[in-house]
Amino acid sequence: MKSLFRKLIPLLLLERYRRSKQLREMRRNSYTTTEGVFTEIYRKNRWGGPRGEFYSGPGSADEQIVSPYISMVSEQASSEGFLGLTFVDLGCGDFRVGRQLLSLCSDYTGVDIVKPLIRAHQQMYGNATTRFIHLDIVVDDLPNGDVCFVRQVLQHLSNQQIAAVLQKLKKYRWVFITEHYPTNNAAAMPNIDKVHGCDTRMSKKSGVYLAKPPFRLPSQALRVLLEVPSPEVEKGIDAGIIRTFLYTPSVVLPK
């Protein structure tokens, strides 16, 4: 019993420290613009990667996550009939995933709120059919296109911000939405609110459940296409599942 107690104490202290740090960050972010918060995340490599390099985290770099995703999108491009159409990538981040979609489309627009990141991508990859735009997807008008990708973006926003983005997605015929969820959905608390920032709802055993309040997207317009396990970050902590939906707004739009 004493041995078990000694093991538990460091874990309890670590959890207490994590929560305190998270609360401090949430308070700070609540007084900082969304652009300011995410620019700082990339500047300080909060999601990892070599210092000075734009890095969006393992969700955009881990082949066990990315490779099945690209294969799935490729299959859907053929079966759904959008091969060679126009793609819009909201929250394109470090472009590690987006660049693998270029062969599937005739025109690609990458969107992100971090100005230095967009500037660097435009200089390195921009051409007549590949462009990058700096805008805030919560408040700004979104670019026109046929297919939209929102890959592990909503999970970093507040519920109010997510709701604003979802309203705008109705302009696209196909929307691929990828989010991080607890492994046990039955035990999860859907859509716990948070302040925009580096973290997700996973620490609260929650996630962005699109068909549940306050979002309530029609379930008939959502289809799960892919589920892959997330890499384990720390022993004893649920790594969760990376789940991708195909959202087709036209399924429920009035004729």
Protein backbone atom coordinates (compact mmCIF):
# COMPACT_ATOMS: atom_id res chain seq x y z
CA MET A 1 0.00 0.00 0.00
CA LYS A 2 2.80 2.43 0.88
CA SER A 3 4.56 1.62 -2.38
CA LEU A 4 1.39 2.34 -4.34
CA PHE A 5 0.88 5.60 -2.44
CA ARG A 6 4.41 6.74 -3.26
CA LYS A 7 3.77 6.08 -6.95
CA LEU A 8 0.46 7.93 -6.93
CA ILE A 9 1.77 11.12 -5.31
CA PRO A 10 4.04 12.16 -8.23
CA LEU A 11 1.21 11.43 -10.67
CA LEU A 12 -1.22 13.55 -8.66
CA LEU A 13 1.28 16.39 -8.43
CA LEU A 14 1.97 16.18 -12.16
CA GLU A 15 -1.73 16.29 -12.97
CA ARG A 16 -2.19 19.26 -10.64
CA TYR A 17 0.69 21.07 -12.36
CA ARG A 18 -0.78 20.34 -15.81
CA ARG A 19 -4.17 21.72 -14.84
CA SER A 20 -2.67 24.84 -13.30
CA LYS A 21 -0.56 25.46 -16.41
CA GLN A 22 -3.56 24.91 -18.67
CA LEU A 23 -5.70 27.36 -16.70
CA ARG A 24 -3.00 30.03 -16.90
CA GLU A 25 -2.72 29.54 -20.64
CA MET A 26 -6.49 29.69 -21.12
CA ARG A 27 -6.68 32.96 -19.21
CA ARG A 28 -3.88 34.43 -21.27
CA ASN A 29 -5.39 33.26 -24.57
CA SER A 30 -8.80 34.67 -23.69
CA TYR A 31 -7.23 38.14 -23.84
CA THR A 32 -5.24 37.45 -27.02
CA THR A 33 -6.54 37.41 -30.60
CA THR A 34 -6.80 34.07 -32.38
CA GLU A 35 -4.13 35.21 -34.81
CA GLY A 36 -1.83 36.21 -31.97
CA VAL A 37 -2.28 32.89 -30.17
CA PHE A 38 -1.57 30.67 -33.18
CA THR A 39 1.29 32.82 -34.44
CA GLU A 40 2.91 32.38 -31.03
CA ILE A 41 2.31 28.61 -31.13
CA TYR A 42 4.28 28.30 -34.35
CA ARG A 43 6.94 30.80 -33.27
CA LYS A 44 7.64 28.82 -30.10
CA ASN A 45 7.17 25.39 -31.70
CA ARG A 46 4.46 24.52 -29.19
CA TRP A 47 3.46 21.54 -31.35
CA GLY A 48 7.06 20.34 -31.64
CA GLY A 49 9.48 20.26 -34.53
CA PRO A 50 12.90 21.87 -34.98
CA ARG A 51 13.20 25.42 -33.68
CA GLY A 52 12.45 27.95 -36.42
CA GLU A 53 10.58 25.41 -38.58
CA PHE A 54 6.82 25.53 -39.10
CA TYR A 55 5.44 22.31 -37.63
CA SER A 56 1.80 21.41 -37.02
CA GLY A 57 2.39 18.39 -34.80
CA PRO A 58 2.38 14.61 -35.32
CA GLY A 59 -1.10 14.78 -36.85
CA SER A 60 0.47 16.22 -40.00
CA ALA A 61 3.76 14.32 -39.92
CA ASP A 62 3.11 10.81 -38.58
CA GLU A 63 2.82 8.45 -41.55
CA GLN A 64 0.50 6.14 -39.61
CA ILE A 65 -1.98 9.02 -39.54
CA VAL A 66 -1.26 10.80 -42.82
CA SER A 67 -0.82 7.88 -45.23
CA PRO A 68 -4.27 6.31 -44.59
CA TYR A 69 -5.79 9.79 -44.84
CA ILE A 70 -4.28 10.51 -48.27
CA SER A 71 -5.32 7.06 -49.51
CA MET A 72 -8.87 7.63 -48.27
CA VAL A 73 -9.16 11.05 -49.94
CA SER A 74 -7.79 9.58 -53.18
CA GLU A 75 -10.39 6.81 -53.12
CA GLN A 76 -13.16 9.29 -52.39
CA ALA A 77 -12.00 11.56 -55.22
CA SER A 78 -12.68 8.71 -57.64
CA SER A 79 -15.87 7.37 -56.08
CA GLU A 80 -17.45 10.78 -55.36
CA GLY A 81 -16.32 12.32 -58.64
CA PHE A 82 -14.26 15.30 -57.45
CA LEU A 83 -10.93 14.24 -58.94
CA GLY A 84 -9.44 17.28 -60.66
CA LEU A 85 -11.73 19.83 -59.02
CA THR A 86 -10.86 22.82 -56.78
CA PHE A 87 -9.61 22.18 -53.21
CA VAL A 88 -9.68 24.59 -50.26
CA ASP A 89 -7.60 23.65 -47.20
CA LEU A 90 -8.71 25.56 -44.09
CA GLY A 91 -5.93 25.67 -41.52
CA CYS A 92 -3.34 24.32 -43.94
CA GLY A 93 -0.64 24.58 -41.27
CA ASP A 94 2.79 23.30 -42.26
CA PHE A 95 1.45 22.01 -45.65
CA ARG A 96 2.85 18.51 -45.06
CA VAL A 97 -0.60 17.02 -45.75
CA GLY A 98 -1.80 19.60 -48.28
CA ARG A 99 1.12 19.06 -50.65
CA GLN A 100 0.10 15.40 -50.94
CA LEU A 101 -3.35 16.45 -52.18
CA LEU A 102 -2.07 18.52 -55.12
CA SER A 103 -2.09 15.61 -57.58
CA LEU A 104 -5.81 15.14 -56.94
CA CYS A 105 -6.96 18.66 -57.78
CA SER A 106 -6.73 21.28 -60.53
CA ASP A 107 -6.46 24.18 -58.09
CA TYR A 108 -5.42 24.31 -54.41
CA THR A 109 -5.91 27.16 -51.94
CA GLY A 110 -4.29 26.85 -48.52
CA VAL A 111 -5.69 29.08 -45.79
CA ASP A 112 -4.21 29.88 -42.40
CA ILE A 113 -4.37 32.62 -39.77
CA VAL A 114 -0.58 32.72 -39.26
CA LYS A 115 0.82 35.36 -41.61
CA PRO A 116 4.53 34.35 -41.56
CA LEU A 117 3.55 30.76 -42.34
CA ILE A 118 1.39 31.81 -45.32
CA ARG A 119 4.11 34.13 -46.58
CA ALA A 120 6.70 31.34 -46.46
CA HIS A 121 4.44 28.84 -48.24
CA GLN A 122 3.52 31.31 -50.98
CA GLN A 123 7.18 32.05 -51.64
CA MET A 124 8.18 28.38 -51.70
CA TYR A 125 5.18 26.62 -53.23
CA GLY A 126 2.93 29.27 -54.76
CA ASN A 127 2.21 29.11 -58.48
CA ALA A 128 -0.67 29.48 -60.96
CA THR A 129 -2.62 26.58 -59.42
CA THR A 130 -1.35 26.56 -55.82
CA ARG A 131 -1.88 29.61 -53.63
CA PHE A 132 -1.93 30.50 -49.94
CA ILE A 133 -4.20 33.06 -48.30
CA HIS A 134 -3.93 34.67 -44.89
CA LEU A 135 -7.35 34.96 -43.24
CA ASP A 136 -9.32 34.13 -40.11
CA ILE A 137 -11.79 31.36 -40.99
CA VAL A 138 -14.01 32.39 -38.06
CA VAL A 139 -14.72 35.96 -39.20
CA ASP A 140 -13.59 36.23 -42.84
CA ASP A 141 -15.28 35.02 -46.02
CA LEU A 142 -13.93 31.68 -47.20
CA PRO A 143 -12.49 31.08 -50.69
CA ASN A 144 -14.70 29.44 -53.29
CA GLY A 145 -14.09 25.82 -54.16
CA ASP A 146 -15.58 22.37 -54.63
CA VAL A 147 -13.90 20.36 -51.87
CA CYS A 148 -12.96 21.67 -48.42
CA PHE A 149 -10.58 20.17 -45.87
CA VAL A 150 -10.68 21.09 -42.17
CA ARG A 151 -8.09 18.85 -40.62
CA GLN A 152 -7.68 18.93 -36.82
CA VAL A 153 -8.50 22.63 -36.75
CA LEU A 154 -11.87 22.90 -34.99
CA GLN A 155 -10.51 21.10 -31.92
CA HIS A 156 -8.36 24.15 -31.14
CA LEU A 157 -11.27 26.62 -31.25
CA SER A 158 -14.10 27.58 -28.89
CA ASN A 159 -17.63 26.31 -29.49
CA GLN A 160 -18.72 29.74 -30.67
CA GLN A 161 -15.88 29.89 -33.17
CA ILE A 162 -16.61 26.38 -34.41
CA ALA A 163 -20.28 27.23 -34.94
CA ALA A 164 -19.29 30.27 -37.02
CA VAL A 165 -17.04 28.14 -39.24
CA LEU A 166 -19.64 25.39 -39.69
CA GLN A 167 -22.14 27.89 -41.09
CA LYS A 168 -19.69 28.85 -43.83
CA LEU A 169 -18.91 25.28 -44.86
CA LYS A 170 -22.31 25.00 -46.54
CA LYS A 171 -20.83 26.65 -49.63
CA TYR A 172 -18.79 23.51 -50.42
CA ARG A 173 -20.17 20.31 -51.90
CA TRP A 174 -17.74 18.02 -50.04
CA VAL A 175 -16.15 18.82 -46.65
CA PHE A 176 -13.63 16.52 -44.99
CA ILE A 177 -13.51 17.20 -41.25
CA THR A 178 -10.89 15.48 -39.11
CA GLU A 179 -10.90 15.63 -35.31
CA HIS A 180 -9.28 14.00 -32.28
CA TYR A 181 -11.57 11.98 -29.98
CA PRO A 182 -11.31 9.93 -26.78
CA THR A 183 -11.04 6.20 -27.46
CA ASN A 184 -14.17 5.52 -25.42
CA ASN A 185 -16.94 7.62 -26.96
CA ALA A 186 -19.50 6.34 -24.47
CA ALA A 187 -17.57 7.89 -21.59
CA ALA A 188 -16.81 11.17 -23.37
CA MET A 189 -18.49 14.49 -22.57
CA PRO A 190 -19.27 15.99 -26.02
CA ASN A 191 -18.32 19.55 -26.92
CA ILE A 192 -16.97 20.85 -23.62
CA ASP A 193 -16.15 24.47 -24.38
CA LYS A 194 -12.62 25.86 -24.37
CA VAL A 195 -10.64 28.96 -25.25
CA HIS A 196 -8.84 28.97 -28.62
CA GLY A 197 -5.31 27.68 -28.24
CA CYS A 198 -2.72 24.94 -28.50
CA ASP A 199 -4.65 22.36 -26.49
CA THR A 200 -7.68 20.28 -27.43
CA ARG A 201 -10.67 18.93 -25.50
CA MET A 202 -8.92 15.58 -25.04
CA SER A 203 -7.55 16.59 -21.63
CA LYS A 204 -11.18 16.90 -20.50
CA LYS A 205 -12.18 13.58 -22.08
CA SER A 206 -14.12 15.48 -24.72
CA GLY A 207 -14.05 16.27 -28.42
CA VAL A 208 -15.92 18.08 -31.19
CA TYR A 209 -19.04 15.96 -31.79
CA LEU A 210 -20.63 17.65 -34.80
CA ALA A 211 -24.08 16.05 -34.61
CA LYS A 212 -24.52 16.92 -30.93
CA PRO A 213 -25.44 20.24 -29.24
CA PRO A 214 -24.57 23.03 -29.70
CA PHE A 215 -23.65 22.24 -33.35
CA ARG A 216 -26.33 19.73 -34.34
CA LEU A 217 -25.20 19.00 -37.88
CA PRO A 218 -27.68 16.56 -39.45
CA SER A 219 -26.40 13.04 -38.92
CA GLN A 220 -27.49 12.07 -42.47
CA ALA A 221 -25.02 14.62 -43.83
CA LEU A 222 -22.08 13.12 -41.88
CA ARG A 223 -20.30 9.91 -42.72
CA VAL A 224 -17.28 8.46 -40.92
CA LEU A 225 -14.67 7.53 -43.51
CA LEU A 226 -11.54 6.87 -41.47
CA GLU A 227 -10.43 6.11 -37.93
CA VAL A 228 -6.77 5.72 -36.95
CA PRO A 229 -5.23 5.52 -33.47
CA SER A 230 -3.29 8.57 -32.37
CA PRO A 231 0.35 7.98 -31.32
CA GLU A 232 0.79 7.55 -27.56
CA VAL A 233 2.12 10.76 -26.04
CA GLU A 234 2.49 9.59 -22.47
CA LYS A 235 1.96 6.24 -20.76
CA GLY A 236 -1.34 6.01 -18.92
CA ILE A 237 -2.98 8.83 -20.88
CA ASP A 238 -5.56 8.02 -23.56
CA ALA A 239 -3.98 8.78 -26.94
CA GLY A 240 -7.40 8.75 -28.58
CA ILE A 241 -8.65 8.25 -32.12
CA ILE A 242 -8.21 10.49 -35.17
CA ARG A 243 -11.55 10.37 -36.98
CA THR A 244 -12.39 11.82 -40.41
CA PHE A 245 -15.93 12.61 -41.56
CA LEU A 246 -17.27 13.49 -44.96
CA TYR A 247 -19.79 16.29 -44.49
CA THR A 248 -22.09 16.89 -47.46
CA PRO A 249 -24.24 19.98 -46.74
CA SER A 250 -26.26 19.52 -49.93
CA VAL A 251 -27.82 16.37 -48.46
CA VAL A 252 -29.99 18.54 -46.18
CA LEU A 253 -30.14 21.86 -47.98
CA PRO A 254 -33.66 22.79 -49.17
CA LYS A 255 -34.26 22.28 -52.89
